[in-house]
N, C-alpha and C. Protein backbone atom coordinates (compact mmCIF):
# COMPACT_ATOMS: atom_id res chain seq x y z
N UNK A 1 0.84 -1.18 0.00
CA UNK A 1 0.00 0.00 0.00
C UNK A 1 0.88 1.24 0.00
N UNK A 2 0.60 2.18 -0.88
CA UNK A 2 1.34 3.42 -0.94
C UNK A 2 0.66 4.44 -0.03
N UNK A 3 1.27 4.72 1.11
CA UNK A 3 0.65 5.61 2.09
C UNK A 3 0.67 7.06 1.66
N UNK A 4 1.39 7.40 0.60
CA UNK A 4 1.42 8.78 0.11
C UNK A 4 0.07 9.19 -0.48
N UNK A 5 -0.77 8.23 -0.81
CA UNK A 5 -2.07 8.52 -1.42
C UNK A 5 -3.15 8.84 -0.39
N UNK A 6 -2.82 8.75 0.91
CA UNK A 6 -3.81 8.93 1.96
C UNK A 6 -3.51 10.16 2.80
N UNK A 7 -4.58 10.78 3.31
CA UNK A 7 -4.40 11.90 4.24
C UNK A 7 -4.03 11.33 5.60
N UNK A 8 -3.60 12.18 6.51
CA UNK A 8 -3.27 11.73 7.86
C UNK A 8 -4.48 11.11 8.54
N UNK A 9 -5.65 11.71 8.33
CA UNK A 9 -6.87 11.18 8.94
C UNK A 9 -7.19 9.78 8.39
N UNK A 10 -7.03 9.60 7.08
CA UNK A 10 -7.29 8.28 6.48
C UNK A 10 -6.29 7.24 6.99
N UNK A 11 -5.04 7.63 7.15
CA UNK A 11 -4.04 6.70 7.69
C UNK A 11 -4.37 6.30 9.12
N UNK A 12 -4.85 7.26 9.90
CA UNK A 12 -5.24 6.97 11.28
C UNK A 12 -6.42 5.99 11.30
N UNK A 13 -7.39 6.21 10.43
CA UNK A 13 -8.54 5.29 10.35
C UNK A 13 -8.10 3.89 9.93
N UNK A 14 -7.20 3.81 8.96
CA UNK A 14 -6.69 2.51 8.53
C UNK A 14 -6.00 1.78 9.66
N UNK A 15 -5.20 2.51 10.43
CA UNK A 15 -4.49 1.88 11.55
C UNK A 15 -5.48 1.34 12.59
N UNK A 16 -6.48 2.13 12.91
CA UNK A 16 -7.49 1.69 13.88
C UNK A 16 -8.22 0.45 13.36
N UNK A 17 -8.59 0.47 12.08
CA UNK A 17 -9.31 -0.67 11.50
C UNK A 17 -8.46 -1.94 11.51
N UNK A 18 -7.16 -1.78 11.33
CA UNK A 18 -6.28 -2.94 11.26
C UNK A 18 -5.86 -3.45 12.63
N UNK A 19 -5.92 -2.60 13.66
CA UNK A 19 -5.42 -3.01 14.98
C UNK A 19 -6.50 -3.23 16.02
N UNK A 20 -7.65 -2.63 15.85
CA UNK A 20 -8.71 -2.75 16.85
C UNK A 20 -9.71 -3.84 16.45
N UNK A 21 -10.23 -4.56 17.44
CA UNK A 21 -11.23 -5.59 17.11
C UNK A 21 -12.55 -4.94 16.68
N UNK A 22 -13.23 -5.61 15.78
CA UNK A 22 -14.53 -5.13 15.33
C UNK A 22 -15.57 -5.42 16.40
N UNK A 23 -16.50 -4.51 16.58
CA UNK A 23 -17.57 -4.72 17.55
C UNK A 23 -18.92 -4.56 16.84
N UNK A 24 -19.88 -5.25 17.36
CA UNK A 24 -21.23 -5.16 16.82
C UNK A 24 -21.96 -3.99 17.48
N UNK A 25 -22.71 -3.25 16.70
CA UNK A 25 -23.46 -2.13 17.25
C UNK A 25 -24.90 -2.58 17.48
N UNK A 26 -25.32 -2.57 18.75
CA UNK A 26 -26.71 -2.96 19.01
C UNK A 26 -27.66 -1.93 18.41
N UNK A 27 -28.78 -2.38 17.93
CA UNK A 27 -29.80 -1.50 17.33
C UNK A 27 -29.20 -0.66 16.19
N UNK A 28 -28.51 -1.31 15.27
CA UNK A 28 -27.82 -0.61 14.19
C UNK A 28 -28.78 0.24 13.36
N UNK A 29 -29.94 -0.30 13.02
CA UNK A 29 -30.90 0.47 12.21
C UNK A 29 -31.32 1.76 12.92
N UNK A 30 -31.54 1.66 14.22
CA UNK A 30 -31.93 2.83 15.01
C UNK A 30 -30.77 3.84 15.05
N UNK A 31 -29.56 3.36 15.21
CA UNK A 31 -28.38 4.23 15.23
C UNK A 31 -28.21 4.96 13.89
N UNK A 32 -28.38 4.23 12.79
CA UNK A 32 -28.27 4.83 11.46
C UNK A 32 -29.35 5.90 11.26
N UNK A 33 -30.57 5.59 11.67
CA UNK A 33 -31.67 6.55 11.54
C UNK A 33 -31.39 7.82 12.34
N UNK A 34 -30.85 7.65 13.54
CA UNK A 34 -30.54 8.81 14.37
C UNK A 34 -29.44 9.66 13.75
N UNK A 35 -28.42 9.02 13.19
CA UNK A 35 -27.33 9.76 12.55
C UNK A 35 -27.84 10.51 11.31
N UNK A 36 -28.68 9.84 10.51
CA UNK A 36 -29.25 10.50 9.34
C UNK A 36 -30.07 11.71 9.74
N UNK A 37 -30.86 11.56 10.80
CA UNK A 37 -31.68 12.66 11.29
C UNK A 37 -30.82 13.84 11.74
N UNK A 38 -29.72 13.54 12.40
CA UNK A 38 -28.80 14.60 12.84
C UNK A 38 -28.21 15.35 11.66
N UNK A 39 -27.83 14.63 10.62
CA UNK A 39 -27.26 15.26 9.43
C UNK A 39 -28.29 16.14 8.75
N UNK A 40 -29.50 15.62 8.58
CA UNK A 40 -30.57 16.40 7.94
C UNK A 40 -30.86 17.65 8.76
N UNK A 41 -30.94 17.49 10.07
CA UNK A 41 -31.22 18.63 10.95
C UNK A 41 -30.15 19.69 10.83
N UNK A 42 -28.91 19.27 10.81
CA UNK A 42 -27.79 20.20 10.72
C UNK A 42 -27.81 20.98 9.40
N UNK A 43 -28.18 20.33 8.31
CA UNK A 43 -28.10 20.97 7.00
C UNK A 43 -29.40 21.65 6.58
N UNK A 44 -30.44 21.53 7.38
CA UNK A 44 -31.68 22.22 7.03
C UNK A 44 -32.04 23.29 8.06
N UNK A 45 -31.21 23.42 9.10
CA UNK A 45 -31.47 24.43 10.12
C UNK A 45 -31.31 25.81 9.50
N UNK A 46 -32.22 26.69 9.80
CA UNK A 46 -32.19 28.03 9.24
C UNK A 46 -31.75 29.02 10.32
N UNK A 47 -31.03 30.03 9.88
CA UNK A 47 -30.52 31.06 10.77
C UNK A 47 -30.93 32.42 10.21
N UNK A 48 -31.43 33.29 11.05
CA UNK A 48 -31.82 34.63 10.62
C UNK A 48 -30.59 35.49 10.40
N UNK A 49 -30.66 36.33 9.37
CA UNK A 49 -29.60 37.29 9.10
C UNK A 49 -30.24 38.65 8.82
N UNK A 50 -29.46 39.68 8.99
CA UNK A 50 -29.94 41.03 8.71
C UNK A 50 -29.15 41.55 7.52
N UNK A 51 -29.84 41.99 6.50
CA UNK A 51 -29.20 42.53 5.29
C UNK A 51 -29.66 43.96 5.06
N UNK A 52 -28.72 44.75 4.59
CA UNK A 52 -29.08 46.10 4.13
C UNK A 52 -28.98 46.08 2.62
N UNK A 53 -30.12 46.31 1.96
CA UNK A 53 -30.19 46.29 0.51
C UNK A 53 -30.57 47.68 0.01
N UNK A 54 -30.22 47.94 -1.23
CA UNK A 54 -30.72 49.16 -1.85
C UNK A 54 -32.24 49.04 -1.93
N UNK A 55 -32.91 50.13 -1.66
CA UNK A 55 -34.37 50.10 -1.68
C UNK A 55 -34.90 49.65 -3.05
N UNK A 56 -34.23 50.09 -4.10
CA UNK A 56 -34.67 49.71 -5.45
C UNK A 56 -34.49 48.20 -5.68
N UNK A 57 -33.40 47.62 -5.14
CA UNK A 57 -33.19 46.17 -5.27
C UNK A 57 -34.27 45.41 -4.50
N UNK A 58 -34.58 45.90 -3.30
CA UNK A 58 -35.61 45.23 -2.50
C UNK A 58 -36.96 45.29 -3.22
N UNK A 59 -37.30 46.43 -3.80
CA UNK A 59 -38.57 46.55 -4.52
C UNK A 59 -38.61 45.59 -5.70
N UNK A 60 -37.50 45.47 -6.42
CA UNK A 60 -37.45 44.54 -7.57
C UNK A 60 -37.57 43.09 -7.08
N UNK A 61 -36.90 42.77 -5.95
CA UNK A 61 -37.02 41.42 -5.39
C UNK A 61 -38.47 41.13 -5.00
N UNK A 62 -39.11 42.09 -4.35
CA UNK A 62 -40.49 41.90 -3.93
C UNK A 62 -41.42 41.73 -5.12
N UNK A 63 -41.18 42.51 -6.17
CA UNK A 63 -41.99 42.38 -7.39
C UNK A 63 -41.81 41.00 -8.02
N UNK A 64 -40.56 40.56 -8.11
CA UNK A 64 -40.28 39.24 -8.68
C UNK A 64 -40.90 38.14 -7.84
N UNK A 65 -40.82 38.28 -6.52
CA UNK A 65 -41.39 37.27 -5.62
C UNK A 65 -42.90 37.17 -5.81
N UNK A 66 -43.55 38.30 -5.98
CA UNK A 66 -45.00 38.30 -6.22
C UNK A 66 -45.31 37.56 -7.52
N UNK A 67 -44.52 37.81 -8.56
CA UNK A 67 -44.72 37.12 -9.84
C UNK A 67 -44.57 35.61 -9.68
N UNK A 68 -43.62 35.20 -8.82
CA UNK A 68 -43.38 33.77 -8.61
C UNK A 68 -44.30 33.17 -7.55
N UNK A 69 -45.02 34.02 -6.84
CA UNK A 69 -45.97 33.55 -5.83
C UNK A 69 -45.31 33.05 -4.55
N UNK A 70 -44.17 33.64 -4.19
CA UNK A 70 -43.48 33.25 -2.98
C UNK A 70 -43.09 34.50 -2.19
N UNK A 71 -42.87 34.37 -0.87
CA UNK A 71 -42.39 35.51 -0.10
C UNK A 71 -41.00 35.95 -0.58
N UNK A 72 -40.73 37.25 -0.51
CA UNK A 72 -39.45 37.74 -1.04
C UNK A 72 -38.25 37.20 -0.25
N UNK A 73 -38.45 36.90 1.06
CA UNK A 73 -37.35 36.34 1.85
C UNK A 73 -36.95 34.95 1.30
N UNK A 74 -37.95 34.17 0.89
CA UNK A 74 -37.68 32.85 0.31
C UNK A 74 -36.95 33.01 -1.02
N UNK A 75 -37.34 34.01 -1.80
CA UNK A 75 -36.66 34.27 -3.07
C UNK A 75 -35.19 34.62 -2.83
N UNK A 76 -34.91 35.48 -1.86
CA UNK A 76 -33.53 35.84 -1.54
C UNK A 76 -32.74 34.61 -1.11
N UNK A 77 -33.33 33.81 -0.24
CA UNK A 77 -32.68 32.59 0.23
C UNK A 77 -32.40 31.63 -0.93
N UNK A 78 -33.36 31.51 -1.83
CA UNK A 78 -33.21 30.63 -2.99
C UNK A 78 -32.09 31.11 -3.91
N UNK A 79 -32.03 32.41 -4.13
CA UNK A 79 -30.98 32.97 -4.99
C UNK A 79 -29.61 32.69 -4.38
N UNK A 80 -29.46 32.95 -3.10
CA UNK A 80 -28.18 32.69 -2.43
C UNK A 80 -27.81 31.21 -2.47
N UNK A 81 -28.78 30.36 -2.22
CA UNK A 81 -28.54 28.91 -2.23
C UNK A 81 -28.08 28.45 -3.61
N UNK A 82 -28.79 28.88 -4.64
CA UNK A 82 -28.41 28.49 -6.01
C UNK A 82 -27.03 29.03 -6.39
N UNK A 83 -26.73 30.24 -5.97
CA UNK A 83 -25.42 30.84 -6.27
C UNK A 83 -24.31 30.02 -5.59
N UNK A 84 -24.49 29.69 -4.32
CA UNK A 84 -23.47 28.96 -3.58
C UNK A 84 -23.28 27.53 -4.09
N UNK A 85 -24.32 26.96 -4.70
CA UNK A 85 -24.22 25.62 -5.26
C UNK A 85 -23.81 25.62 -6.72
N UNK A 86 -23.52 26.79 -7.25
CA UNK A 86 -23.02 26.88 -8.62
C UNK A 86 -24.08 26.73 -9.69
N UNK A 87 -25.33 26.83 -9.34
CA UNK A 87 -26.37 26.69 -10.36
C UNK A 87 -26.97 28.04 -10.76
N UNK A 88 -26.35 29.11 -10.35
CA UNK A 88 -26.82 30.45 -10.72
C UNK A 88 -25.65 31.26 -11.22
């Protein structure tokens, strides 16, 4: 195995896997469901922010939101989300 291809964290995990005995996790399905729920909760939690926008930009956002039938705050959030994910 060429250890140059692994990060320090990956090498540490490999060492643990090779030296530590495997153990069975009781209630594995329940544990997996709980972990999935934690991940979803972490990535869908919303946080309030305060923005100062040009009044004309806010008016245009509000007009566009009305056309789309959604609150303007949701439109702003959607625009930011799409921009950060590279789809805008």
